């Protein structure tokens, strides 16, 4: 059976320490990616650009670099890469994410087995700063019509999602007006257009970096208040917000970097 052609997009901004692992994980798939587009948002503090060019030279026709002339931000950088896609389906990951070897294989198989669904998403491993990982989803997540499920504040689907490119284009790509919520908005728009299919096995790793914490905390706080108010029909979001406490400060960053640098 002919499997869909999956394009992989990796976005990068001063993430050389992680970027090579992200690219290697995209290359080392049991079913090869149709193309790997690495979009760098004008890195100036490390050797990210040089690393991308080395992969282009080593894997011509597979790895393609996109280099912004100035820093344009995450949504616009992602959209620039989306304009280059030639595959049937696309997955978007960050420069500090890592795909497990069967990511493309299992997503392609799930989409082929569920022809009515044009988006698949999977469980993932969350990796903390100590190098410890745990499955993100403790319970089975829904397939089919997931619009209400996402609208209740389900974030993070973009990281483990494979979507039909034509539908991503029809949804308007990433919303450049909402910097912190572009992925959430895209998955919400896609859920209005097509059923989703969920894969319970973790198929990628999401590494928590210090740079990601403010955005993660902001979204967690907002979506958590939304869910609490929705459940209790709360008339005052402020009262719900007072009952929630933020995540504790994370430590051991240097130990985590040392552990991940010795993985390969």
Protein backbone atom coordinates (compact mmCIF):
# COMPACT_ATOMS: atom_id res chain seq x y z
CA UNK A 1 0.00 0.00 0.00
CA UNK A 2 1.31 3.42 -0.95
CA UNK A 3 2.04 5.52 2.13
CA UNK A 4 1.57 9.30 2.12
CA UNK A 5 4.59 11.50 1.50
CA UNK A 6 5.37 13.26 4.78
CA UNK A 7 7.36 16.50 4.89
CA UNK A 8 9.04 17.42 8.17
CA UNK A 9 9.61 21.02 9.25
CA UNK A 10 12.09 21.84 12.01
CA UNK A 11 12.25 25.41 13.27
CA UNK A 12 15.42 26.73 14.89
CA UNK A 13 16.64 29.78 16.75
CA UNK A 14 19.99 29.59 18.57
CA UNK A 15 19.42 25.92 19.42
CA UNK A 16 22.56 24.31 18.07
CA UNK A 17 22.92 22.13 21.17
CA UNK A 18 19.61 20.44 20.37
CA UNK A 19 19.24 21.01 16.64
CA UNK A 20 21.54 18.21 15.50
CA UNK A 21 19.54 15.69 17.53
CA UNK A 22 16.29 17.00 16.04
CA UNK A 23 17.62 16.70 12.48
CA UNK A 24 19.18 13.29 13.12
CA UNK A 25 15.87 12.04 14.53
CA UNK A 26 14.10 13.23 11.38
CA UNK A 27 16.64 11.44 9.19
CA UNK A 28 16.69 8.19 11.19
CA UNK A 29 13.12 7.15 10.41
CA UNK A 30 12.01 3.62 9.52
CA UNK A 31 9.97 5.23 6.73
CA UNK A 32 11.93 8.07 5.17
CA UNK A 33 10.65 11.62 5.19
CA UNK A 34 9.81 13.02 1.78
CA UNK A 35 11.78 16.13 2.73
CA UNK A 36 13.18 17.82 5.84
CA UNK A 37 12.96 21.61 5.88
CA UNK A 38 15.02 23.31 8.60
CA UNK A 39 13.91 26.92 9.07
CA UNK A 40 16.35 29.08 11.02
CA UNK A 41 15.01 32.34 12.45
CA UNK A 42 18.26 34.32 12.08
CA UNK A 43 20.41 32.59 14.70
CA UNK A 44 23.38 34.75 15.66
CA UNK A 45 24.59 33.29 18.97
CA UNK A 46 25.77 29.83 17.94
CA UNK A 47 26.63 27.69 14.92
CA UNK A 48 23.07 26.71 13.98
CA UNK A 49 23.31 28.04 10.43
CA UNK A 50 26.60 26.27 9.78
CA UNK A 51 25.17 23.03 11.17
CA UNK A 52 22.14 23.25 8.87
CA UNK A 53 24.34 23.88 5.85
CA UNK A 54 26.43 20.82 6.74
CA UNK A 55 23.31 18.65 6.77
CA UNK A 56 22.22 20.15 3.43
CA UNK A 57 25.57 19.15 1.94
CA UNK A 58 25.49 15.69 3.52
CA UNK A 59 21.88 14.92 2.54
CA UNK A 60 21.20 16.75 -0.75
CA UNK A 61 17.61 16.48 -1.87
CA UNK A 62 16.44 15.48 1.61
CA UNK A 63 17.49 18.32 3.92
CA UNK A 64 16.77 21.89 2.84
CA UNK A 65 17.63 24.98 4.85
CA UNK A 66 15.62 28.18 5.08
CA UNK A 67 17.49 31.14 6.55
CA UNK A 68 15.65 34.26 7.67
CA UNK A 69 17.50 37.52 7.00
CA UNK A 70 16.13 38.90 10.27
CA UNK A 71 14.33 37.46 13.27
CA UNK A 72 10.65 37.11 12.30
CA UNK A 73 9.24 35.08 15.19
CA UNK A 74 7.97 31.52 15.45
CA UNK A 75 4.67 31.69 13.49
CA UNK A 76 6.15 33.52 10.50
CA UNK A 77 9.21 31.29 10.46
CA UNK A 78 6.95 28.22 10.43
CA UNK A 79 4.81 29.72 7.68
CA UNK A 80 7.86 30.45 5.54
CA UNK A 81 8.77 26.77 5.76
CA UNK A 82 5.20 25.70 5.02
CA UNK A 83 5.36 27.66 1.77
CA UNK A 84 8.19 25.33 0.68
CA UNK A 85 6.41 22.03 1.39
CA UNK A 86 6.05 19.58 -1.50
CA UNK A 87 4.75 16.54 0.39
CA UNK A 88 1.17 15.37 0.89
CA UNK A 89 1.33 15.63 4.69
CA UNK A 90 3.39 17.78 7.01
CA UNK A 91 4.66 17.67 10.58
CA UNK A 92 6.10 20.68 12.41
CA UNK A 93 8.57 20.34 15.26
CA UNK A 94 10.84 22.66 17.18
CA UNK A 95 14.61 22.52 17.24
CA UNK A 96 14.59 20.95 20.70
CA UNK A 97 12.16 18.14 19.81
CA UNK A 98 13.18 14.61 18.87
CA UNK A 99 11.19 12.12 16.79
CA UNK A 100 11.28 8.46 17.67
CA UNK A 101 12.27 6.19 14.75
CA UNK A 102 8.74 5.00 13.89
CA UNK A 103 7.11 8.44 13.97
CA UNK A 104 6.44 8.65 10.23
CA UNK A 105 5.73 4.93 9.86
CA UNK A 106 3.05 4.81 12.53
CA UNK A 107 1.40 8.12 11.59
CA UNK A 108 1.30 7.13 7.92
CA UNK A 109 -0.18 3.72 8.79
CA UNK A 110 -2.86 5.31 11.02
CA UNK A 111 -3.85 7.80 8.33
CA UNK A 112 -3.99 5.09 5.70
CA UNK A 113 -6.15 2.90 7.96
CA UNK A 114 -8.54 5.83 8.69
CA UNK A 115 -9.11 7.46 5.28
CA UNK A 116 -11.81 9.73 6.68
CA UNK A 117 -9.25 11.39 8.98
CA UNK A 118 -6.66 13.76 7.54
CA UNK A 119 -4.85 14.62 10.78
CA UNK A 120 -3.15 12.23 13.20
CA UNK A 121 -1.66 13.04 16.59
CA UNK A 122 0.14 10.88 19.09
CA UNK A 123 1.22 10.64 22.67
CA UNK A 124 4.70 11.99 23.40
CA UNK A 125 7.40 11.85 26.02
CA UNK A 126 8.03 14.99 28.06
CA UNK A 127 11.72 15.20 28.97
CA UNK A 128 12.67 17.37 31.92
CA UNK A 129 15.95 19.16 32.60
CA UNK A 130 17.34 16.08 34.37
CA UNK A 131 16.88 13.98 31.25
CA UNK A 132 13.97 12.07 32.80
CA UNK A 133 11.06 11.35 30.51
CA UNK A 134 7.43 10.42 31.09
CA UNK A 135 4.44 9.96 28.77
CA UNK A 136 2.49 13.18 28.35
CA UNK A 137 -0.93 11.52 28.05
CA UNK A 138 -1.87 9.30 30.98
CA UNK A 139 -5.18 8.29 29.40
CA UNK A 140 -6.42 7.51 25.90
CA UNK A 141 -7.23 10.68 23.96
CA UNK A 142 -10.13 11.00 21.49
CA UNK A 143 -10.25 10.34 17.77
CA UNK A 144 -12.89 11.54 15.31
CA UNK A 145 -14.52 14.90 15.95
CA UNK A 146 -12.14 16.55 18.42
CA UNK A 147 -13.23 20.17 18.03
CA UNK A 148 -14.83 20.48 21.47
CA UNK A 149 -11.93 18.59 23.05
CA UNK A 150 -9.35 21.02 21.64
CA UNK A 151 -11.54 24.06 22.35
CA UNK A 152 -11.55 23.15 26.04
CA UNK A 153 -7.83 23.96 26.08
CA UNK A 154 -5.97 20.91 24.78
CA UNK A 155 -2.61 22.36 23.83
CA UNK A 156 0.54 20.77 22.46
CA UNK A 157 -1.02 18.72 19.67
CA UNK A 158 1.08 20.44 17.00
CA UNK A 159 4.28 18.87 18.34
CA UNK A 160 3.08 15.32 17.64
CA UNK A 161 0.76 15.96 14.70
CA UNK A 162 0.85 14.96 11.04
CA UNK A 163 -1.66 16.85 8.90
CA UNK A 164 -2.72 16.88 5.26
CA UNK A 165 -0.89 19.80 3.72
CA UNK A 166 -3.82 21.04 1.64
CA UNK A 167 -5.93 21.35 4.80
CA UNK A 168 -3.16 23.18 6.65
CA UNK A 169 -3.10 25.60 3.73
CA UNK A 170 -6.91 25.89 3.74
CA UNK A 171 -6.75 26.67 7.47
CA UNK A 172 -4.50 29.66 6.71
CA UNK A 173 -1.26 28.16 8.05
CA UNK A 174 -0.14 29.51 11.46
CA UNK A 175 -1.80 32.64 12.80
CA UNK A 176 0.97 35.24 12.94
CA UNK A 177 -1.14 37.54 15.12
CA UNK A 178 -1.04 35.19 18.11
CA UNK A 179 2.59 34.40 18.82
CA UNK A 180 2.08 32.07 21.79
CA UNK A 181 -1.02 30.28 20.49
CA UNK A 182 -0.33 29.76 16.78
CA UNK A 183 -0.14 25.97 17.10
CA UNK A 184 -3.29 25.78 19.23
CA UNK A 185 -5.24 27.93 16.77
CA UNK A 186 -4.11 25.83 13.80
CA UNK A 187 -5.19 22.56 15.45
CA UNK A 188 -8.52 24.15 16.35
CA UNK A 189 -9.08 25.24 12.74
CA UNK A 190 -8.09 21.81 11.44
CA UNK A 191 -10.53 20.14 13.83
CA UNK A 192 -13.31 22.09 12.11
CA UNK A 193 -12.24 20.67 8.75
CA UNK A 194 -11.50 17.00 9.39
CA UNK A 195 -11.64 14.16 11.92
CA UNK A 196 -8.43 13.36 13.80
CA UNK A 197 -6.98 9.94 14.66
CA UNK A 198 -5.05 9.43 17.91
CA UNK A 199 -2.03 7.14 18.39
CA UNK A 200 -1.54 6.16 22.06
CA UNK A 201 2.15 5.22 21.75
CA UNK A 202 4.62 8.08 22.41
CA UNK A 203 6.29 8.81 19.08
CA UNK A 204 8.38 11.87 19.90
CA UNK A 205 10.18 13.60 22.74
CA UNK A 206 9.51 17.17 23.83
CA UNK A 207 12.44 18.59 25.77
CA UNK A 208 11.63 21.27 28.34
CA UNK A 209 14.18 24.07 28.00
CA UNK A 210 14.42 27.25 30.11
CA UNK A 211 13.41 29.29 27.05
CA UNK A 212 10.18 27.29 26.71
CA UNK A 213 9.03 27.63 30.31
CA UNK A 214 7.43 31.11 30.14
CA UNK A 215 5.30 30.16 27.11
CA UNK A 216 4.33 26.78 28.58
CA UNK A 217 3.41 28.34 31.91
CA UNK A 218 1.38 31.10 30.25
CA UNK A 219 -0.68 28.64 28.24
CA UNK A 220 -1.08 26.19 31.13
CA UNK A 221 -2.35 28.95 33.38
CA UNK A 222 -4.80 30.30 30.81
CA UNK A 223 -6.17 26.95 29.69
CA UNK A 224 -6.39 25.69 33.26
CA UNK A 225 -8.53 28.63 34.32
CA UNK A 226 -10.73 28.13 31.25
CA UNK A 227 -11.31 24.45 32.10
CA UNK A 228 -12.03 25.22 35.75
CA UNK A 229 -14.52 27.94 34.92
CA UNK A 230 -16.21 25.77 32.30
CA UNK A 231 -16.65 22.86 34.72
CA UNK A 232 -18.05 24.97 37.54
CA UNK A 233 -19.92 27.56 35.48
CA UNK A 234 -17.82 30.09 37.32
CA UNK A 235 -18.89 33.69 36.91
CA UNK A 236 -15.52 35.03 37.99
CA UNK A 237 -12.32 33.69 36.37
CA UNK A 238 -10.31 35.57 39.00
CA UNK A 239 -11.72 33.40 41.77
CA UNK A 240 -10.73 30.24 39.88
CA UNK A 241 -7.30 31.61 39.15
CA UNK A 242 -6.64 32.07 42.86
CA UNK A 243 -7.22 28.36 43.47
CA UNK A 244 -4.52 27.32 41.02
CA UNK A 245 -0.82 27.43 41.67
CA UNK A 246 1.91 27.60 39.04
CA UNK A 247 4.62 25.01 38.48
CA UNK A 248 7.57 25.07 40.82
CA UNK A 249 10.94 26.33 39.63
CA UNK A 250 13.02 23.73 37.80
CA UNK A 251 16.63 22.98 38.61
CA UNK A 252 19.49 20.83 37.37
CA UNK A 253 19.73 22.39 33.91
CA UNK A 254 23.44 21.80 33.52
CA UNK A 255 23.06 18.15 34.54
CA UNK A 256 20.35 17.72 31.93
CA UNK A 257 22.46 19.24 29.18
CA UNK A 258 25.34 16.93 30.07
CA UNK A 259 23.07 13.87 29.98
CA UNK A 260 21.55 14.73 26.61
CA UNK A 261 24.88 15.62 25.00
CA UNK A 262 26.16 12.09 25.73
CA UNK A 263 23.14 10.29 24.30
CA UNK A 264 24.49 9.83 20.80
